[in-house]
Amino acid sequence: AYSTLKDPHSRALHLLRLKGVTEPTAEMSPEFLEEMMHVNGELFAVDEVTDKAERRSKVEALKAQIFEKYEAVLRDLQESFQKGDLRAAEGNVGRLKFLKNLREIVREKEMGPGWVSTEKH
């Protein structure tokens, strides 16, 4: 139960289920999908960068872009639940899942060879 509530995506899915939405459908705008496909492509292009400083810079920039979008979708999700707009909540859950996957790819890039994290834990 804790892991479900800890993760915003899992928590939102749980809330939707409590509201009777068993199979959420995520309608995403073509603009969102295009933007995410571009970011995904940029993340995979990082593997071709041989200069460590340049690679780090590219990953950090993409990480910031993804984080900003993730936070915006979380705000939209919260607002959709507050308004009782389950259709909007479903769409936001789909966008959140997409962004969550991109965040995982960033983590994998940060764990790659030659990477030393500058973040404090």
PDB file of N, CA and C in Angstrom:
ATOM      1  N   ALA A   1       0.822  -1.188   0.000  1.00  0.00           N
ATOM      2  CA  ALA A   1       0.000   0.000   0.000  1.00  0.00           C
ATOM      3  C   ALA A   1       0.869   1.256   0.000  1.00  0.00           C
ATOM      4  N   TYR A   2       1.949   1.230   0.770  1.00  0.00           N
ATOM      5  CA  TYR A   2       2.823   2.404   0.863  1.00  0.00           C
ATOM      6  C   TYR A   2       3.418   2.750  -0.490  1.00  0.00           C
ATOM      7  N   SER A   3       3.888   1.737  -1.222  1.00  0.00           N
ATOM      8  CA  SER A   3       4.516   2.007  -2.520  1.00  0.00           C
ATOM      9  C   SER A   3       3.499   2.578  -3.510  1.00  0.00           C
ATOM     10  N   THR A   4       2.251   2.156  -3.414  1.00  0.00           N
ATOM     11  CA  THR A   4       1.198   2.691  -4.279  1.00  0.00           C
ATOM     12  C   THR A   4       0.977   4.167  -3.989  1.00  0.00           C
ATOM     13  N   LEU A   5       0.937   4.520  -2.720  1.00  0.00           N
ATOM     14  CA  LEU A   5       0.680   5.903  -2.342  1.00  0.00           C
ATOM     15  C   LEU A   5       1.907   6.792  -2.516  1.00  0.00           C
ATOM     16  N   LYS A   6       3.090   6.213  -2.449  1.00  0.00           N
ATOM     17  CA  LYS A   6       4.327   6.988  -2.578  1.00  0.00           C
ATOM     18  C   LYS A   6       4.534   7.488  -4.004  1.00  0.00           C
ATOM     19  N   ASP A   7       4.214   6.684  -4.979  1.00  0.00           N
ATOM     20  CA  ASP A   7       4.427   7.025  -6.387  1.00  0.00           C
ATOM     21  C   ASP A   7       3.208   7.782  -6.925  1.00  0.00           C
ATOM     22  N   PRO A   8       3.400   9.004  -7.442  1.00  0.00           N
ATOM     23  CA  PRO A   8       2.252   9.788  -7.925  1.00  0.00           C
ATOM     24  C   PRO A   8       1.436   9.087  -9.011  1.00  0.00           C
ATOM     25  N   HIS A   9       2.082   8.371  -9.901  1.00  0.00           N
ATOM     26  CA  HIS A   9       1.358   7.679 -10.973  1.00  0.00           C
ATOM     27  C   HIS A   9       0.489   6.563 -10.395  1.00  0.00           C
ATOM     28  N   SER A  10       1.070   5.734  -9.541  1.00  0.00           N
ATOM     29  CA  SER A  10       0.316   4.643  -8.920  1.00  0.00           C
ATOM     30  C   SER A  10      -0.813   5.177  -8.055  1.00  0.00           C
ATOM     31  N   ARG A  11      -0.535   6.262  -7.327  1.00  0.00           N
ATOM     32  CA  ARG A  11      -1.555   6.870  -6.473  1.00  0.00           C
ATOM     33  C   ARG A  11      -2.725   7.379  -7.315  1.00  0.00           C
ATOM     34  N   ALA A  12      -2.427   8.021  -8.445  1.00  0.00           N
ATOM     35  CA  ALA A  12      -3.488   8.537  -9.313  1.00  0.00           C
ATOM     36  C   ALA A  12      -4.312   7.397  -9.902  1.00  0.00           C
ATOM     37  N   LEU A  13      -3.644   6.322 -10.317  1.00  0.00           N
ATOM     38  CA  LEU A  13      -4.385   5.159 -10.821  1.00  0.00           C
ATOM     39  C   LEU A  13      -5.309   4.600  -9.746  1.00  0.00           C
ATOM     40  N   HIS A  14      -4.817   4.535  -8.522  1.00  0.00           N
ATOM     41  CA  HIS A  14      -5.620   4.038  -7.409  1.00  0.00           C
ATOM     42  C   HIS A  14      -6.836   4.938  -7.171  1.00  0.00           C
ATOM     43  N   LEU A  15      -6.627   6.252  -7.205  1.00  0.00           N
ATOM     44  CA  LEU A  15      -7.737   7.180  -7.023  1.00  0.00           C
ATOM     45  C   LEU A  15      -8.769   7.034  -8.135  1.00  0.00           C
ATOM     46  N   LEU A  16      -8.305   6.850  -9.367  1.00  0.00           N
ATOM     47  CA  LEU A  16      -9.237   6.642 -10.474  1.00  0.00           C
ATOM     48  C   LEU A  16     -10.058   5.373 -10.264  1.00  0.00           C
ATOM     49  N   ARG A  17      -9.408   4.310  -9.798  1.00  0.00           N
ATOM     50  CA  ARG A  17     -10.122   3.057  -9.538  1.00  0.00           C
ATOM     51  C   ARG A  17     -11.172   3.250  -8.450  1.00  0.00           C
ATOM     52  N   LEU A  18     -10.819   4.030  -7.428  1.00  0.00           N
ATOM     53  CA  LEU A  18     -11.785   4.314  -6.361  1.00  0.00           C
ATOM     54  C   LEU A  18     -12.994   5.090  -6.892  1.00  0.00           C
ATOM     55  N   LYS A  19     -12.773   5.841  -7.967  1.00  0.00           N
ATOM     56  CA  LYS A  19     -13.853   6.618  -8.586  1.00  0.00           C
ATOM     57  C   LYS A  19     -14.600   5.808  -9.649  1.00  0.00           C
ATOM     58  N   GLY A  20     -14.217   4.525  -9.806  1.00  0.00           N
ATOM     59  CA  GLY A  20     -14.920   3.659 -10.738  1.00  0.00           C
ATOM     60  C   GLY A  20     -14.292   3.544 -12.113  1.00  0.00           C
ATOM     61  N   VAL A  21     -13.141   4.153 -12.315  1.00  0.00           N
ATOM     62  CA  VAL A  21     -12.454   4.070 -13.605  1.00  0.00           C
ATOM     63  C   VAL A  21     -11.467   2.907 -13.525  1.00  0.00           C
ATOM     64  N   THR A  22     -11.863   1.761 -14.094  1.00  0.00           N
ATOM     65  CA  THR A  22     -11.022   0.565 -13.986  1.00  0.00           C
ATOM     66  C   THR A  22      -9.968   0.476 -15.089  1.00  0.00           C
ATOM     67  N   GLU A  23     -10.275   0.984 -16.260  1.00  0.00           N
ATOM     68  CA  GLU A  23      -9.337   0.963 -17.386  1.00  0.00           C
ATOM     69  C   GLU A  23      -9.158   2.379 -17.916  1.00  0.00           C
ATOM     70  N   PRO A  24      -8.258   3.155 -17.297  1.00  0.00           N
ATOM     71  CA  PRO A  24      -8.078   4.530 -17.752  1.00  0.00           C
ATOM     72  C   PRO A  24      -7.593   4.587 -19.204  1.00  0.00           C
ATOM     73  N   THR A  25      -8.172   5.490 -19.952  1.00  0.00           N
ATOM     74  CA  THR A  25      -7.722   5.720 -21.318  1.00  0.00           C
ATOM     75  C   THR A  25      -7.057   7.082 -21.355  1.00  0.00           C
ATOM     76  N   ALA A  26      -5.891   7.111 -21.914  1.00  0.00           N
ATOM     77  CA  ALA A  26      -5.126   8.351 -21.934  1.00  0.00           C
ATOM     78  C   ALA A  26      -5.125   8.940 -23.335  1.00  0.00           C
ATOM     79  N   GLU A  27      -5.869  10.004 -23.481  1.00  0.00           N
ATOM     80  CA  GLU A  27      -5.842  10.729 -24.737  1.00  0.00           C
ATOM     81  C   GLU A  27      -4.768  11.798 -24.613  1.00  0.00           C
ATOM     82  N   MET A  28      -3.768  11.696 -25.477  1.00  0.00           N
ATOM     83  CA  MET A  28      -2.679  12.664 -25.449  1.00  0.00           C
ATOM     84  C   MET A  28      -2.675  13.447 -26.748  1.00  0.00           C
ATOM     85  N   SER A  29      -2.404  14.718 -26.613  1.00  0.00           N
ATOM     86  CA  SER A  29      -2.394  15.574 -27.788  1.00  0.00           C
ATOM     87  C   SER A  29      -1.218  15.199 -28.691  1.00  0.00           C
ATOM     88  N   PRO A  30      -1.368  15.402 -29.986  1.00  0.00           N
ATOM     89  CA  PRO A  30      -0.251  15.154 -30.897  1.00  0.00           C
ATOM     90  C   PRO A  30       0.978  15.990 -30.533  1.00  0.00           C
ATOM     91  N   GLU A  31       0.747  17.192 -30.011  1.00  0.00           N
ATOM     92  CA  GLU A  31       1.870  18.056 -29.619  1.00  0.00           C
ATOM     93  C   GLU A  31       2.653  17.443 -28.462  1.00  0.00           C
ATOM     94  N   PHE A  32       1.923  16.908 -27.478  1.00  0.00           N
ATOM     95  CA  PHE A  32       2.597  16.277 -26.344  1.00  0.00           C
ATOM     96  C   PHE A  32       3.389  15.070 -26.819  1.00  0.00           C
ATOM     97  N   LEU A  33       2.757  14.230 -27.636  1.00  0.00           N
ATOM     98  CA  LEU A  33       3.441  13.031 -28.128  1.00  0.00           C
ATOM     99  C   LEU A  33       4.668  13.390 -28.961  1.00  0.00           C
ATOM    100  N   GLU A  34       4.543  14.405 -29.785  1.00  0.00           N
ATOM    101  CA  GLU A  34       5.678  14.825 -30.600  1.00  0.00           C
ATOM    102  C   GLU A  34       6.820  15.334 -29.720  1.00  0.00           C
ATOM    103  N   GLU A  35       6.474  16.130 -28.715  1.00  0.00           N
ATOM    104  CA  GLU A  35       7.492  16.645 -27.799  1.00  0.00           C
ATOM    105  C   GLU A  35       8.192  15.507 -27.057  1.00  0.00           C
ATOM    106  N   MET A  36       7.426  14.535 -26.593  1.00  0.00           N
ATOM    107  CA  MET A  36       8.006  13.428 -25.848  1.00  0.00           C
ATOM    108  C   MET A  36       8.850  12.514 -26.749  1.00  0.00           C
ATOM    109  N   MET A  37       8.410  12.335 -27.984  1.00  0.00           N
ATOM    110  CA  MET A  37       9.213  11.543 -28.920  1.00  0.00           C
ATOM    111  C   MET A  37      10.542  12.242 -29.194  1.00  0.00           C
ATOM    112  N   HIS A  38      10.508  13.563 -29.280  1.00  0.00           N
ATOM    113  CA  HIS A  38      11.735  14.331 -29.493  1.00  0.00           C
ATOM    114  C   HIS A  38      12.684  14.173 -28.298  1.00  0.00           C
ATOM    115  N   VAL A  39      12.141  14.312 -27.088  1.00  0.00           N
ATOM    116  CA  VAL A  39      12.958  14.159 -25.880  1.00  0.00           C
ATOM    117  C   VAL A  39      13.525  12.747 -25.804  1.00  0.00           C
ATOM    118  N   ASN A  40      12.705  11.761 -26.109  1.00  0.00           N
ATOM    119  CA  ASN A  40      13.155  10.365 -26.096  1.00  0.00           C
ATOM    120  C   ASN A  40      14.306  10.167 -27.087  1.00  0.00           C
ATOM    121  N   GLY A  41      14.158  10.725 -28.279  1.00  0.00           N
ATOM    122  CA  GLY A  41      15.218  10.639 -29.282  1.00  0.00           C
ATOM    123  C   GLY A  41      16.495  11.313 -28.815  1.00  0.00           C
ATOM    124  N   GLU A  42      16.340  12.460 -28.163  1.00  0.00           N
ATOM    125  CA  GLU A  42      17.506  13.176 -27.635  1.00  0.00           C
ATOM    126  C   GLU A  42      18.217  12.342 -26.559  1.00  0.00           C
ATOM    127  N   LEU A  43      17.422  11.677 -25.723  1.00  0.00           N
ATOM    128  CA  LEU A  43      18.025  10.836 -24.680  1.00  0.00           C
ATOM    129  C   LEU A  43      18.840   9.699 -25.282  1.00  0.00           C
ATOM    130  N   PHE A  44      18.318   9.091 -26.331  1.00  0.00           N
ATOM    131  CA  PHE A  44      19.056   7.998 -26.944  1.00  0.00           C
ATOM    132  C   PHE A  44      20.244   8.500 -27.752  1.00  0.00           C
ATOM    133  N   ALA A  45      20.171   9.721 -28.268  1.00  0.00           N
ATOM    134  CA  ALA A  45      21.293  10.303 -29.000  1.00  0.00           C
ATOM    135  C   ALA A  45      22.476  10.586 -28.075  1.00  0.00           C
ATOM    136  N   VAL A  46      22.199  10.737 -26.789  1.00  0.00           N
ATOM    137  CA  VAL A  46      23.262  10.984 -25.809  1.00  0.00           C
ATOM    138  C   VAL A  46      24.286   9.853 -25.830  1.00  0.00           C
ATOM    139  N   ASP A  47      23.840   8.648 -26.143  1.00  0.00           N
ATOM    140  CA  ASP A  47      24.755   7.502 -26.166  1.00  0.00           C
ATOM    141  C   ASP A  47      25.867   7.673 -27.195  1.00  0.00           C
ATOM    142  N   GLU A  48      25.634   8.497 -28.200  1.00  0.00           N
ATOM    143  CA  GLU A  48      26.623   8.716 -29.250  1.00  0.00           C
ATOM    144  C   GLU A  48      27.656   9.769 -28.870  1.00  0.00           C
ATOM    145  N   VAL A  49      27.392  10.525 -27.802  1.00  0.00           N
ATOM    146  CA  VAL A  49      28.306  11.585 -27.382  1.00  0.00           C
ATOM    147  C   VAL A  49      29.465  10.959 -26.618  1.00  0.00           C
ATOM    148  N   THR A  50      30.668  11.217 -27.076  1.00  0.00           N
ATOM    149  CA  THR A  50      31.842  10.616 -26.440  1.00  0.00           C
ATOM    150  C   THR A  50      32.460  11.515 -25.373  1.00  0.00           C
ATOM    151  N   ASP A  51      32.299  12.816 -25.515  1.00  0.00           N
ATOM    152  CA  ASP A  51      32.848  13.746 -24.530  1.00  0.00           C
ATOM    153  C   ASP A  51      31.996  13.700 -23.264  1.00  0.00           C
ATOM    154  N   LYS A  52      32.614  13.347 -22.134  1.00  0.00           N
ATOM    155  CA  LYS A  52      31.871  13.167 -20.882  1.00  0.00           C
ATOM    156  C   LYS A  52      31.184  14.440 -20.417  1.00  0.00           C
ATOM    157  N   ALA A  53      31.862  15.574 -20.523  1.00  0.00           N
ATOM    158  CA  ALA A  53      31.267  16.831 -20.076  1.00  0.00           C
ATOM    159  C   ALA A  53      30.071  17.197 -20.946  1.00  0.00           C
ATOM    160  N   GLU A  54      30.187  17.003 -22.234  1.00  0.00           N
ATOM    161  CA  GLU A  54      29.077  17.298 -23.141  1.00  0.00           C
ATOM    162  C   GLU A  54      27.911  16.349 -22.869  1.00  0.00           C
ATOM    163  N   ARG A  55      28.245  15.087 -22.640  1.00  0.00           N
ATOM    164  CA  ARG A  55      27.202  14.091 -22.351  1.00  0.00           C
ATOM    165  C   ARG A  55      26.449  14.472 -21.080  1.00  0.00           C
ATOM    166  N   ARG A  56      27.204  14.813 -20.039  1.00  0.00           N
ATOM    167  CA  ARG A  56      26.599  15.212 -18.773  1.00  0.00           C
ATOM    168  C   ARG A  56      25.701  16.429 -18.978  1.00  0.00           C
ATOM    169  N   SER A  57      26.178  17.403 -19.717  1.00  0.00           N
ATOM    170  CA  SER A  57      25.418  18.618 -19.965  1.00  0.00           C
ATOM    171  C   SER A  57      24.102  18.315 -20.680  1.00  0.00           C
ATOM    172  N   LYS A  58      24.161  17.460 -21.681  1.00  0.00           N
ATOM    173  CA  LYS A  58      22.951  17.103 -22.426  1.00  0.00           C
ATOM    174  C   LYS A  58      21.954  16.362 -21.538  1.00  0.00           C
ATOM    175  N   VAL A  59      22.444  15.414 -20.751  1.00  0.00           N
ATOM    176  CA  VAL A  59      21.560  14.649 -19.868  1.00  0.00           C
ATOM    177  C   VAL A  59      20.939  15.566 -18.819  1.00  0.00           C
ATOM    178  N   GLU A  60      21.741  16.452 -18.246  1.00  0.00           N
ATOM    179  CA  GLU A  60      21.214  17.367 -17.226  1.00  0.00           C
ATOM    180  C   GLU A  60      20.149  18.289 -17.811  1.00  0.00           C
ATOM    181  N   ALA A  61      20.371  18.777 -19.031  1.00  0.00           N
ATOM    182  CA  ALA A  61      19.376  19.653 -19.672  1.00  0.00           C
ATOM    183  C   ALA A  61      18.075  18.895 -19.936  1.00  0.00           C
ATOM    184  N   LEU A  62      18.181  17.675 -20.425  1.00  0.00           N
ATOM    185  CA  LEU A  62      16.994  16.867 -20.684  1.00  0.00           C
ATOM    186  C   LEU A  62      16.291  16.498 -19.384  1.00  0.00           C
ATOM    187  N   LYS A  63      17.078  16.217 -18.364  1.00  0.00           N
ATOM    188  CA  LYS A  63      16.513  15.889 -17.047  1.00  0.00           C
ATOM    189  C   LYS A  63      15.690  17.064 -16.519  1.00  0.00           C
ATOM    190  N   ALA A  64      16.217  18.268 -16.657  1.00  0.00           N
ATOM    191  CA  ALA A  64      15.510  19.456 -16.196  1.00  0.00           C
ATOM    192  C   ALA A  64      14.220  19.660 -16.990  1.00  0.00           C
ATOM    193  N   GLN A  65      14.287  19.448 -18.290  1.00  0.00           N
ATOM    194  CA  GLN A  65      13.109  19.601 -19.148  1.00  0.00           C
ATOM    195  C   GLN A  65      12.030  18.592 -18.765  1.00  0.00           C
ATOM    196  N   ILE A  66      12.435  17.350 -18.542  1.00  0.00           N
ATOM    197  CA  ILE A  66      11.485  16.301 -18.161  1.00  0.00           C
ATOM    198  C   ILE A  66      10.890  16.595 -16.787  1.00  0.00           C
ATOM    199  N   PHE A  67      11.734  17.010 -15.841  1.00  0.00           N
ATOM    200  CA  PHE A  67      11.261  17.315 -14.489  1.00  0.00           C
ATOM    201  C   PHE A  67      10.234  18.447 -14.518  1.00  0.00           C
ATOM    202  N   GLU A  68      10.511  19.476 -15.295  1.00  0.00           N
ATOM    203  CA  GLU A  68       9.592  20.614 -15.399  1.00  0.00           C
ATOM    204  C   GLU A  68       8.234  20.171 -15.949  1.00  0.00           C
ATOM    205  N   LYS A  69       8.271  19.354 -16.977  1.00  0.00           N
ATOM    206  CA  LYS A  69       7.033  18.860 -17.582  1.00  0.00           C
ATOM    207  C   LYS A  69       6.293  17.944 -16.595  1.00  0.00           C
ATOM    208  N   TYR A  70       7.033  17.093 -15.893  1.00  0.00           N
ATOM    209  CA  TYR A  70       6.472  16.173 -14.910  1.00  0.00           C
ATOM    210  C   TYR A  70       5.732  16.954 -13.813  1.00  0.00           C
ATOM    211  N   GLU A  71       6.377  17.997 -13.300  1.00  0.00           N
ATOM    212  CA  GLU A  71       5.766  18.810 -12.252  1.00  0.00           C
ATOM    213  C   GLU A  71       4.508  19.512 -12.762  1.00  0.00           C
ATOM    214  N   ALA A  72       4.526  19.983 -14.005  1.00  0.00           N
ATOM    215  CA  ALA A  72       3.349  20.638 -14.595  1.00  0.00           C
ATOM    216  C   ALA A  72       2.194  19.647 -14.717  1.00  0.00           C
ATOM    217  N   VAL A  73       2.490  18.425 -15.140  1.00  0.00           N
ATOM    218  CA  VAL A  73       1.441  17.409 -15.270  1.00  0.00           C
ATOM    219  C   VAL A  73       0.902  17.034 -13.897  1.00  0.00           C
ATOM    220  N   LEU A  74       1.772  16.964 -12.887  1.00  0.00           N
ATOM    221  CA  LEU A  74       1.294  16.691 -11.520  1.00  0.00           C
ATOM    222  C   LEU A  74       0.320  17.769 -11.052  1.00  0.00           C
ATOM    223  N   ARG A  75       0.640  19.032 -11.346  1.00  0.00           N
ATOM    224  CA  ARG A  75      -0.268  20.124 -10.972  1.00  0.00           C
ATOM    225  C   ARG A  75      -1.604  19.987 -11.707  1.00  0.00           C
ATOM    226  N   ASP A  76      -1.521  19.684 -13.013  1.00  0.00           N
ATOM    227  CA  ASP A  76      -2.754  19.501 -13.794  1.00  0.00           C
ATOM    228  C   ASP A  76      -3.573  18.328 -13.263  1.00  0.00           C
ATOM    229  N   LEU A  77      -2.888  17.267 -12.880  1.00  0.00           N
ATOM    230  CA  LEU A  77      -3.563  16.087 -12.340  1.00  0.00           C
ATOM    231  C   LEU A  77      -4.284  16.420 -11.044  1.00  0.00           C
ATOM    232  N   GLN A  78      -3.598  17.118 -10.177  1.00  0.00           N
ATOM    233  CA  GLN A  78      -4.208  17.514  -8.901  1.00  0.00           C
ATOM    234  C   GLN A  78      -5.438  18.381  -9.154  1.00  0.00           C
ATOM    235  N   GLU A  79      -5.311  19.316 -10.074  1.00  0.00           N
ATOM    236  CA  GLU A  79      -6.435  20.195 -10.398  1.00  0.00           C
ATOM    237  C   GLU A  79      -7.612  19.412 -10.984  1.00  0.00           C
ATOM    238  N   SER A  80      -7.308  18.439 -11.836  1.00  0.00           N
ATOM    239  CA  SER A  80      -8.400  17.659 -12.434  1.00  0.00           C
ATOM    240  C   SER A  80      -9.134  16.834 -11.379  1.00  0.00           C
ATOM    241  N   PHE A  81      -8.411  16.295 -10.405  1.00  0.00           N
ATOM    242  CA  PHE A  81      -9.073  15.559  -9.324  1.00  0.00           C
ATOM    243  C   PHE A  81      -9.891  16.512  -8.454  1.00  0.00           C
ATOM    244  N   GLN A  82      -9.345  17.694  -8.168  1.00  0.00           N
ATOM    245  CA  GLN A  82     -10.075  18.661  -7.342  1.00  0.00           C
ATOM    246  C   GLN A  82     -11.382  19.084  -8.005  1.00  0.00           C
ATOM    247  N   LYS A  83     -11.363  19.189  -9.327  1.00  0.00           N
ATOM    248  CA  LYS A  83     -12.567  19.585 -10.067  1.00  0.00           C
ATOM    249  C   LYS A  83     -13.506  18.405 -10.325  1.00  0.00           C
ATOM    250  N   GLY A  84     -13.030  17.196 -10.038  1.00  0.00           N
ATOM    251  CA  GLY A  84     -13.828  16.006 -10.305  1.00  0.00           C
ATOM    252  C   GLY A  84     -13.872  15.647 -11.788  1.00  0.00           C
ATOM    253  N   ASP A  85     -12.917  16.159 -12.556  1.00  0.00           N
ATOM    254  CA  ASP A  85     -12.851  15.910 -13.995  1.00  0.00           C
ATOM    255  C   ASP A  85     -12.035  14.638 -14.245  1.00  0.00           C
ATOM    256  N   LEU A  86     -12.716  13.495 -14.213  1.00  0.00           N
ATOM    257  CA  LEU A  86     -12.021  12.213 -14.337  1.00  0.00           C
ATOM    258  C   LEU A  86     -11.429  12.006 -15.721  1.00  0.00           C
ATOM    259  N   ARG A  87     -12.064  12.538 -16.735  1.00  0.00           N
ATOM    260  CA  ARG A  87     -11.531  12.408 -18.100  1.00  0.00           C
ATOM    261  C   ARG A  87     -10.173  13.115 -18.206  1.00  0.00           C
ATOM    262  N   ALA A  88     -10.098  14.326 -17.649  1.00  0.00           N
ATOM    263  CA  ALA A  88      -8.828  15.054 -17.642  1.00  0.00           C
ATOM    264  C   ALA A  88      -7.800  14.313 -16.782  1.00  0.00           C
ATOM    265  N   ALA A  89      -8.250  13.758 -15.662  1.00  0.00           N
ATOM    266  CA  ALA A  89      -7.347  13.008 -14.788  1.00  0.00           C
ATOM    267  C   ALA A  89      -6.759  11.806 -15.527  1.00  0.00           C
ATOM    268  N   GLU A  90      -7.599  11.119 -16.302  1.00  0.00           N
ATOM    269  CA  GLU A  90      -7.110   9.969 -17.081  1.00  0.00           C
ATOM    270  C   GLU A  90      -6.016  10.399 -18.050  1.00  0.00           C
ATOM    271  N   GLY A  91      -6.231  11.502 -18.738  1.00  0.00           N
ATOM    272  CA  GLY A  91      -5.228  12.005 -19.675  1.00  0.00           C
ATOM    273  C   GLY A  91      -3.940  12.377 -18.971  1.00  0.00           C
ATOM    274  N   ASN A  92      -4.077  13.013 -17.814  1.00  0.00           N
ATOM    275  CA  ASN A  92      -2.896  13.393 -17.049  1.00  0.00           C
ATOM    276  C   ASN A  92      -2.143  12.180 -16.527  1.00  0.00           C
ATOM    277  N   VAL A  93      -2.873  11.134 -16.166  1.00  0.00           N
ATOM    278  CA  VAL A  93      -2.224   9.898 -15.707  1.00  0.00           C
ATOM    279  C   VAL A  93      -1.405   9.294 -16.849  1.00  0.00           C
ATOM    280  N   GLY A  94      -1.947   9.321 -18.054  1.00  0.00           N
ATOM    281  CA  GLY A  94      -1.209   8.817 -19.206  1.00  0.00           C
ATOM    282  C   GLY A  94       0.045   9.618 -19.476  1.00  0.00           C
ATOM    283  N   ARG A  95      -0.060  10.943 -19.387  1.00  0.00           N
ATOM    284  CA  ARG A  95       1.113  11.799 -19.594  1.00  0.00           C
ATOM    285  C   ARG A  95       2.145  11.565 -18.498  1.00  0.00           C
ATOM    286  N   LEU A  96       1.651  11.391 -17.281  1.00  0.00           N
ATOM    287  CA  LEU A  96       2.549  11.149 -16.150  1.00  0.00           C
ATOM    288  C   LEU A  96       3.334   9.853 -16.354  1.00  0.00           C
ATOM    289  N   LYS A  97       2.655   8.825 -16.828  1.00  0.00           N
ATOM    290  CA  LYS A  97       3.336   7.545 -17.068  1.00  0.00           C
ATOM    291  C   LYS A  97       4.427   7.716 -18.116  1.00  0.00           C
ATOM    292  N   PHE A  98       4.127   8.437 -19.180  1.00  0.00           N
ATOM    293  CA  PHE A  98       5.105   8.682 -20.231  1.00  0.00           C
ATOM    294  C   PHE A  98       6.330   9.383 -19.647  1.00  0.00           C
ATOM    295  N   LEU A  99       6.096  10.420 -18.858  1.00  0.00           N
ATOM    296  CA  LEU A  99       7.193  11.179 -18.267  1.00  0.00           C
ATOM    297  C   LEU A  99       7.955  10.360 -17.225  1.00  0.00           C
ATOM    298  N   LYS A 100       7.241   9.529 -16.502  1.00  0.00           N
ATOM    299  CA  LYS A 100       7.888   8.652 -15.516  1.00  0.00           C
ATOM    300  C   LYS A 100       8.873   7.719 -16.223  1.00  0.00           C
ATOM    301  N   ASN A 101       8.477   7.207 -17.373  1.00  0.00           N
ATOM    302  CA  ASN A 101       9.372   6.336 -18.146  1.00  0.00           C
ATOM    303  C   ASN A 101      10.603   7.100 -18.625  1.00  0.00           C
ATOM    304  N   LEU A 102      10.411   8.344 -19.048  1.00  0.00           N
ATOM    305  CA  LEU A 102      11.559   9.149 -19.472  1.00  0.00           C
ATOM    306  C   LEU A 102      12.499   9.437 -18.303  1.00  0.00           C
ATOM    307  N   ARG A 103      11.922   9.650 -17.127  1.00  0.00           N
ATOM    308  CA  ARG A 103      12.769   9.866 -15.941  1.00  0.00           C
ATOM    309  C   ARG A 103      13.613   8.626 -15.641  1.00  0.00           C
ATOM    310  N   GLU A 104      13.045   7.449 -15.860  1.00  0.00           N
ATOM    311  CA  GLU A 104      13.805   6.209 -15.662  1.00  0.00           C
ATOM    312  C   GLU A 104      14.965   6.112 -16.660  1.00  0.00           C
ATOM    313  N   ILE A 105      14.722   6.518 -17.891  1.00  0.00           N
ATOM    314  CA  ILE A 105      15.793   6.504 -18.896  1.00  0.00           C
ATOM    315  C   ILE A 105      16.911   7.446 -18.472  1.00  0.00           C
ATOM    316  N   VAL A 106      16.555   8.612 -17.940  1.00  0.00           N
ATOM    317  CA  VAL A 106      17.568   9.559 -17.455  1.00  0.00           C
ATOM    318  C   VAL A 106      18.387   8.911 -16.344  1.00  0.00           C
ATOM    319  N   ARG A 107      17.715   8.238 -15.413  1.00  0.00           N
ATOM    320  CA  ARG A 107      18.443   7.571 -14.317  1.00  0.00           C
ATOM    321  C   ARG A 107      19.428   6.539 -14.861  1.00  0.00           C
ATOM    322  N   GLU A 108      19.006   5.805 -15.882  1.00  0.00           N
ATOM    323  CA  GLU A 108      19.896   4.824 -16.501  1.00  0.00           C
ATOM    324  C   GLU A 108      21.104   5.512 -17.130  1.00  0.00           C
ATOM    325  N   LYS A 109      20.878   6.647 -17.785  1.00  0.00           N
ATOM    326  CA  LYS A 109      21.983   7.397 -18.390  1.00  0.00           C
ATOM    327  C   LYS A 109      22.946   7.879 -17.316  1.00  0.00           C
ATOM    328  N   GLU A 110      22.399   8.290 -16.184  1.00  0.00           N
ATOM    329  CA  GLU A 110      23.243   8.780 -15.088  1.00  0.00           C
ATOM    330  C   GLU A 110      24.051   7.655 -14.449  1.00  0.00           C
ATOM    331  N   MET A 111      23.583   6.437 -14.590  1.00  0.00           N
ATOM    332  CA  MET A 111      24.296   5.297 -14.021  1.00  0.00           C
ATOM    333  C   MET A 111      25.307   4.714 -15.014  1.00  0.00           C
ATOM    334  N   GLY A 112      25.355   5.286 -16.198  1.00  0.00           N
ATOM    335  CA  GLY A 112      26.228   4.784 -17.255  1.00  0.00           C
ATOM    336  C   GLY A 112      27.692   4.950 -16.933  1.00  0.00           C
ATOM    337  N   PRO A 113      28.537   4.407 -17.799  1.00  0.00           N
ATOM    338  CA  PRO A 113      29.989   4.462 -17.559  1.00  0.00           C
ATOM    339  C   PRO A 113      30.505   5.907 -17.559  1.00  0.00           C
ATOM    340  N   GLY A 114      31.379   6.187 -16.612  1.00  0.00           N
ATOM    341  CA  GLY A 114      32.013   7.495 -16.546  1.00  0.00           C
ATOM    342  C   GLY A 114      31.152   8.579 -15.929  1.00  0.00           C
ATOM    343  N   TRP A 115      30.007   8.199 -15.396  1.00  0.00           N
ATOM    344  CA  TRP A 115      29.109   9.218 -14.842  1.00  0.00           C
ATOM    345  C   TRP A 115      29.338   9.328 -13.351  1.00  0.00           C
ATOM    346  N   VAL A 116      29.552  10.532 -12.897  1.00  0.00           N
ATOM    347  CA  VAL A 116      29.642  10.801 -11.468  1.00  0.00           C
ATOM    348  C   VAL A 116      28.592  11.844 -11.173  1.00  0.00           C
ATOM    349  N   SER A 117      27.613  11.487 -10.385  1.00  0.00           N
ATOM    350  CA  SER A 117      26.509  12.396 -10.096  1.00  0.00           C
ATOM    351  C   SER A 117      26.982  13.587  -9.295  1.00  0.00           C
ATOM    352  N   THR A 118      26.448  14.754  -9.657  1.00  0.00           N
ATOM    353  CA  THR A 118      26.766  15.971  -8.905  1.00  0.00           C
ATOM    354  C   THR A 118      25.671  16.283  -7.892  1.00  0.00           C
ATOM    355  N   GLU A 119      24.622  15.449  -7.882  1.00  0.00           N
ATOM    356  CA  GLU A 119      23.524  15.678  -6.937  1.00  0.00           C
ATOM    357  C   GLU A 119      23.906  15.219  -5.551  1.00  0.00           C
ATOM    358  N   LYS A 120      23.381  15.928  -4.562  1.00  0.00           N
ATOM    359  CA  LYS A 120      23.583  15.522  -3.175  1.00  0.00           C
ATOM    360  C   LYS A 120      22.419  14.666  -2.756  1.00  0.00           C
ATOM    361  N   HIS A 121      22.697  13.577  -2.078  1.00  0.00           N
ATOM    362  CA  HIS A 121      21.631  12.651  -1.654  1.00  0.00           C
ATOM    363  C   HIS A 121      21.338  12.815  -0.196  1.00  0.00           C
TER     364      HIS A 121
END
